[in-house]
């Protein structure tokens, strides 16, 4: 399995790549992140559903922290 990097996971989420898994895109994603309704774990679960990540990634604190940092970076832009 070729796993998606945290940066690419956030970028693809922003672009709407995980819409079929119920994640909004663009400004709607940013709004939901700011409201605390979407967290790193939600993006990871969407990628797991698409077969882009192993389910063990949900227990990988370093990966989750990196996703969270990239989400925060999106909010700042």
N, C-alpha and C. Protein backbone atom coordinates (compact mmCIF):
# COMPACT_ATOMS: atom_id res chain seq x y z
N UNK A 1 0.85 -1.18 0.00
CA UNK A 1 0.00 0.00 0.00
C UNK A 1 0.90 1.24 0.00
N UNK A 2 0.61 2.15 -0.91
CA UNK A 2 1.31 3.43 -0.93
C UNK A 2 0.49 4.39 -0.10
N UNK A 3 1.06 4.80 1.02
CA UNK A 3 0.31 5.64 1.94
C UNK A 3 0.49 7.11 1.60
N UNK A 4 -0.53 7.87 1.84
CA UNK A 4 -0.54 9.30 1.57
C UNK A 4 0.15 10.04 2.72
N UNK A 5 0.93 11.04 2.40
CA UNK A 5 1.63 11.81 3.43
C UNK A 5 0.63 12.73 4.14
N UNK A 6 0.95 13.18 5.35
CA UNK A 6 0.06 14.12 6.03
C UNK A 6 -0.23 15.37 5.21
N UNK A 7 0.81 15.94 4.58
CA UNK A 7 0.60 17.12 3.75
C UNK A 7 -0.37 16.84 2.61
N UNK A 8 -0.14 15.74 1.90
CA UNK A 8 -1.02 15.39 0.78
C UNK A 8 -2.43 15.06 1.25
N UNK A 9 -2.55 14.47 2.43
CA UNK A 9 -3.87 14.16 2.97
C UNK A 9 -4.67 15.45 3.18
N UNK A 10 -4.04 16.44 3.76
CA UNK A 10 -4.73 17.72 3.99
C UNK A 10 -5.02 18.41 2.66
N UNK A 11 -4.05 18.41 1.77
CA UNK A 11 -4.24 19.05 0.47
C UNK A 11 -5.37 18.40 -0.31
N UNK A 12 -5.37 17.08 -0.36
CA UNK A 12 -6.43 16.36 -1.07
C UNK A 12 -7.79 16.60 -0.42
N UNK A 13 -7.82 16.66 0.89
CA UNK A 13 -9.07 16.94 1.59
C UNK A 13 -9.60 18.31 1.20
N UNK A 14 -8.73 19.29 1.20
CA UNK A 14 -9.10 20.65 0.83
C UNK A 14 -9.65 20.68 -0.60
N UNK A 15 -9.07 19.89 -1.48
CA UNK A 15 -9.47 19.86 -2.89
C UNK A 15 -10.75 19.05 -3.12
N UNK A 16 -11.28 18.41 -2.09
CA UNK A 16 -12.52 17.66 -2.24
C UNK A 16 -12.35 16.20 -2.57
N UNK A 17 -11.14 15.70 -2.48
CA UNK A 17 -10.84 14.33 -2.82
C UNK A 17 -11.59 13.32 -1.95
N UNK A 18 -11.97 13.73 -0.73
CA UNK A 18 -12.64 12.82 0.19
C UNK A 18 -14.12 13.18 0.39
N UNK A 19 -14.70 13.81 -0.60
CA UNK A 19 -16.12 14.19 -0.52
C UNK A 19 -17.02 12.97 -0.37
N UNK A 20 -16.67 11.88 -1.04
CA UNK A 20 -17.47 10.66 -0.95
C UNK A 20 -17.47 10.07 0.46
N UNK A 21 -16.47 10.46 1.26
CA UNK A 21 -16.40 9.99 2.65
C UNK A 21 -17.04 11.01 3.60
N UNK A 22 -17.68 12.03 3.04
CA UNK A 22 -18.42 12.99 3.85
C UNK A 22 -17.65 14.21 4.30
N UNK A 23 -16.42 14.39 3.80
CA UNK A 23 -15.66 15.56 4.17
C UNK A 23 -15.93 16.71 3.19
N UNK A 24 -16.20 17.90 3.72
CA UNK A 24 -16.39 19.05 2.83
C UNK A 24 -15.04 19.49 2.26
N UNK A 25 -15.08 20.38 1.31
CA UNK A 25 -13.84 20.87 0.71
C UNK A 25 -13.78 22.39 0.82
N UNK A 26 -12.65 22.91 0.43
CA UNK A 26 -12.37 24.34 0.37
C UNK A 26 -12.80 25.08 1.64
N UNK A 27 -13.52 26.17 1.50
CA UNK A 27 -13.85 26.99 2.66
C UNK A 27 -14.74 26.25 3.66
N UNK A 28 -15.55 25.33 3.18
CA UNK A 28 -16.40 24.55 4.11
C UNK A 28 -15.53 23.68 5.01
N UNK A 29 -14.46 23.12 4.48
CA UNK A 29 -13.54 22.33 5.30
C UNK A 29 -12.89 23.23 6.35
N UNK A 30 -12.43 24.39 5.93
CA UNK A 30 -11.80 25.32 6.87
C UNK A 30 -12.76 25.72 7.99
N UNK A 31 -14.00 25.99 7.63
CA UNK A 31 -15.00 26.37 8.63
C UNK A 31 -15.22 25.25 9.63
N UNK A 32 -15.33 24.03 9.16
CA UNK A 32 -15.57 22.89 10.05
C UNK A 32 -14.36 22.61 10.94
N UNK A 33 -13.16 22.83 10.41
CA UNK A 33 -11.95 22.66 11.22
C UNK A 33 -11.93 23.72 12.32
N UNK A 34 -12.21 24.97 11.96
CA UNK A 34 -12.22 26.06 12.95
C UNK A 34 -13.25 25.81 14.05
N UNK A 35 -14.38 25.23 13.69
CA UNK A 35 -15.43 24.94 14.66
C UNK A 35 -15.15 23.70 15.49
N UNK A 36 -14.10 22.98 15.14
CA UNK A 36 -13.73 21.78 15.87
C UNK A 36 -14.54 20.56 15.49
N UNK A 37 -15.25 20.65 14.39
CA UNK A 37 -16.09 19.52 13.94
C UNK A 37 -15.32 18.53 13.09
N UNK A 38 -14.20 18.96 12.53
CA UNK A 38 -13.35 18.07 11.75
C UNK A 38 -11.96 18.15 12.34
N UNK A 39 -11.42 16.97 12.62
CA UNK A 39 -10.09 16.86 13.22
C UNK A 39 -9.23 15.95 12.35
N UNK A 40 -7.97 15.85 12.72
CA UNK A 40 -7.03 15.01 11.96
C UNK A 40 -7.55 13.59 11.81
N UNK A 41 -8.15 13.07 12.87
CA UNK A 41 -8.65 11.69 12.84
C UNK A 41 -9.71 11.50 11.75
N UNK A 42 -10.51 12.53 11.50
CA UNK A 42 -11.54 12.43 10.47
C UNK A 42 -10.93 12.29 9.08
N UNK A 43 -9.87 13.03 8.84
CA UNK A 43 -9.18 12.92 7.55
C UNK A 43 -8.52 11.56 7.40
N UNK A 44 -7.91 11.09 8.48
CA UNK A 44 -7.26 9.78 8.45
C UNK A 44 -8.30 8.69 8.19
N UNK A 45 -9.43 8.75 8.85
CA UNK A 45 -10.48 7.76 8.63
C UNK A 45 -10.97 7.77 7.19
N UNK A 46 -11.09 8.95 6.59
CA UNK A 46 -11.51 9.04 5.19
C UNK A 46 -10.48 8.37 4.29
N UNK A 47 -9.22 8.59 4.57
CA UNK A 47 -8.16 7.97 3.76
C UNK A 47 -8.13 6.46 3.97
N UNK A 48 -8.41 6.01 5.17
CA UNK A 48 -8.49 4.57 5.43
C UNK A 48 -9.63 3.97 4.62
N UNK A 49 -10.77 4.65 4.60
CA UNK A 49 -11.93 4.18 3.84
C UNK A 49 -11.61 4.04 2.35
N UNK A 50 -10.74 4.92 1.85
CA UNK A 50 -10.36 4.86 0.43
C UNK A 50 -9.19 3.92 0.17
N UNK A 51 -8.66 3.32 1.23
CA UNK A 51 -7.54 2.42 1.05
C UNK A 51 -6.21 3.13 0.87
N UNK A 52 -6.14 4.40 1.27
CA UNK A 52 -4.92 5.17 1.13
C UNK A 52 -4.04 5.12 2.38
N UNK A 53 -4.61 4.66 3.49
CA UNK A 53 -3.87 4.52 4.75
C UNK A 53 -4.27 3.22 5.44
N UNK A 54 -3.36 2.70 6.21
CA UNK A 54 -3.64 1.53 7.04
C UNK A 54 -4.41 1.99 8.27
N UNK A 55 -5.24 1.13 8.80
CA UNK A 55 -6.03 1.48 9.98
C UNK A 55 -5.17 1.76 11.21
N UNK A 56 -3.95 1.24 11.24
CA UNK A 56 -3.06 1.50 12.37
C UNK A 56 -2.64 2.96 12.44
N UNK A 57 -2.82 3.71 11.36
CA UNK A 57 -2.46 5.12 11.33
C UNK A 57 -3.26 5.92 12.36
N UNK A 58 -4.45 5.44 12.71
CA UNK A 58 -5.25 6.14 13.73
C UNK A 58 -4.56 6.14 15.09
N UNK A 59 -3.60 5.26 15.30
CA UNK A 59 -2.85 5.20 16.55
C UNK A 59 -1.47 5.83 16.44
N UNK A 60 -1.16 6.41 15.30
CA UNK A 60 0.15 7.00 15.06
C UNK A 60 0.11 8.49 15.43
N UNK A 61 0.53 8.80 16.66
CA UNK A 61 0.45 10.17 17.16
C UNK A 61 1.26 11.15 16.30
N UNK A 62 2.41 10.73 15.82
CA UNK A 62 3.24 11.60 15.00
C UNK A 62 2.52 11.96 13.70
N UNK A 63 1.89 10.98 13.08
CA UNK A 63 1.15 11.22 11.84
C UNK A 63 -0.03 12.15 12.11
N UNK A 64 -0.79 11.86 13.16
CA UNK A 64 -1.95 12.69 13.50
C UNK A 64 -1.53 14.13 13.83
N UNK A 65 -0.44 14.28 14.56
CA UNK A 65 0.04 15.62 14.90
C UNK A 65 0.47 16.39 13.65
N UNK A 66 1.06 15.68 12.72
CA UNK A 66 1.47 16.32 11.46
C UNK A 66 0.25 16.75 10.65
N UNK A 67 -0.76 15.91 10.58
CA UNK A 67 -2.00 16.28 9.88
C UNK A 67 -2.62 17.51 10.56
N UNK A 68 -2.67 17.49 11.87
CA UNK A 68 -3.24 18.62 12.62
C UNK A 68 -2.46 19.91 12.33
N UNK A 69 -1.16 19.82 12.28
CA UNK A 69 -0.33 20.99 11.99
C UNK A 69 -0.62 21.53 10.59
N UNK A 70 -0.79 20.64 9.63
CA UNK A 70 -1.10 21.08 8.27
C UNK A 70 -2.51 21.69 8.20
N UNK A 71 -3.44 21.16 8.96
CA UNK A 71 -4.78 21.75 9.02
C UNK A 71 -4.71 23.16 9.59
N UNK A 72 -3.93 23.34 10.64
CA UNK A 72 -3.77 24.66 11.23
C UNK A 72 -3.13 25.62 10.23
N UNK A 73 -2.21 25.11 9.43
CA UNK A 73 -1.60 25.93 8.38
C UNK A 73 -2.60 26.39 7.35
N UNK A 74 -3.55 25.55 7.02
CA UNK A 74 -4.61 25.94 6.09
C UNK A 74 -5.45 27.06 6.68
N UNK A 75 -5.74 26.97 7.96
CA UNK A 75 -6.55 27.97 8.63
C UNK A 75 -5.89 29.34 8.61
N UNK A 76 -4.55 29.35 8.68
CA UNK A 76 -3.82 30.62 8.75
C UNK A 76 -3.75 31.32 7.41
N UNK A 77 -3.93 30.60 6.32
CA UNK A 77 -3.85 31.19 4.99
C UNK A 77 -5.15 31.78 4.53
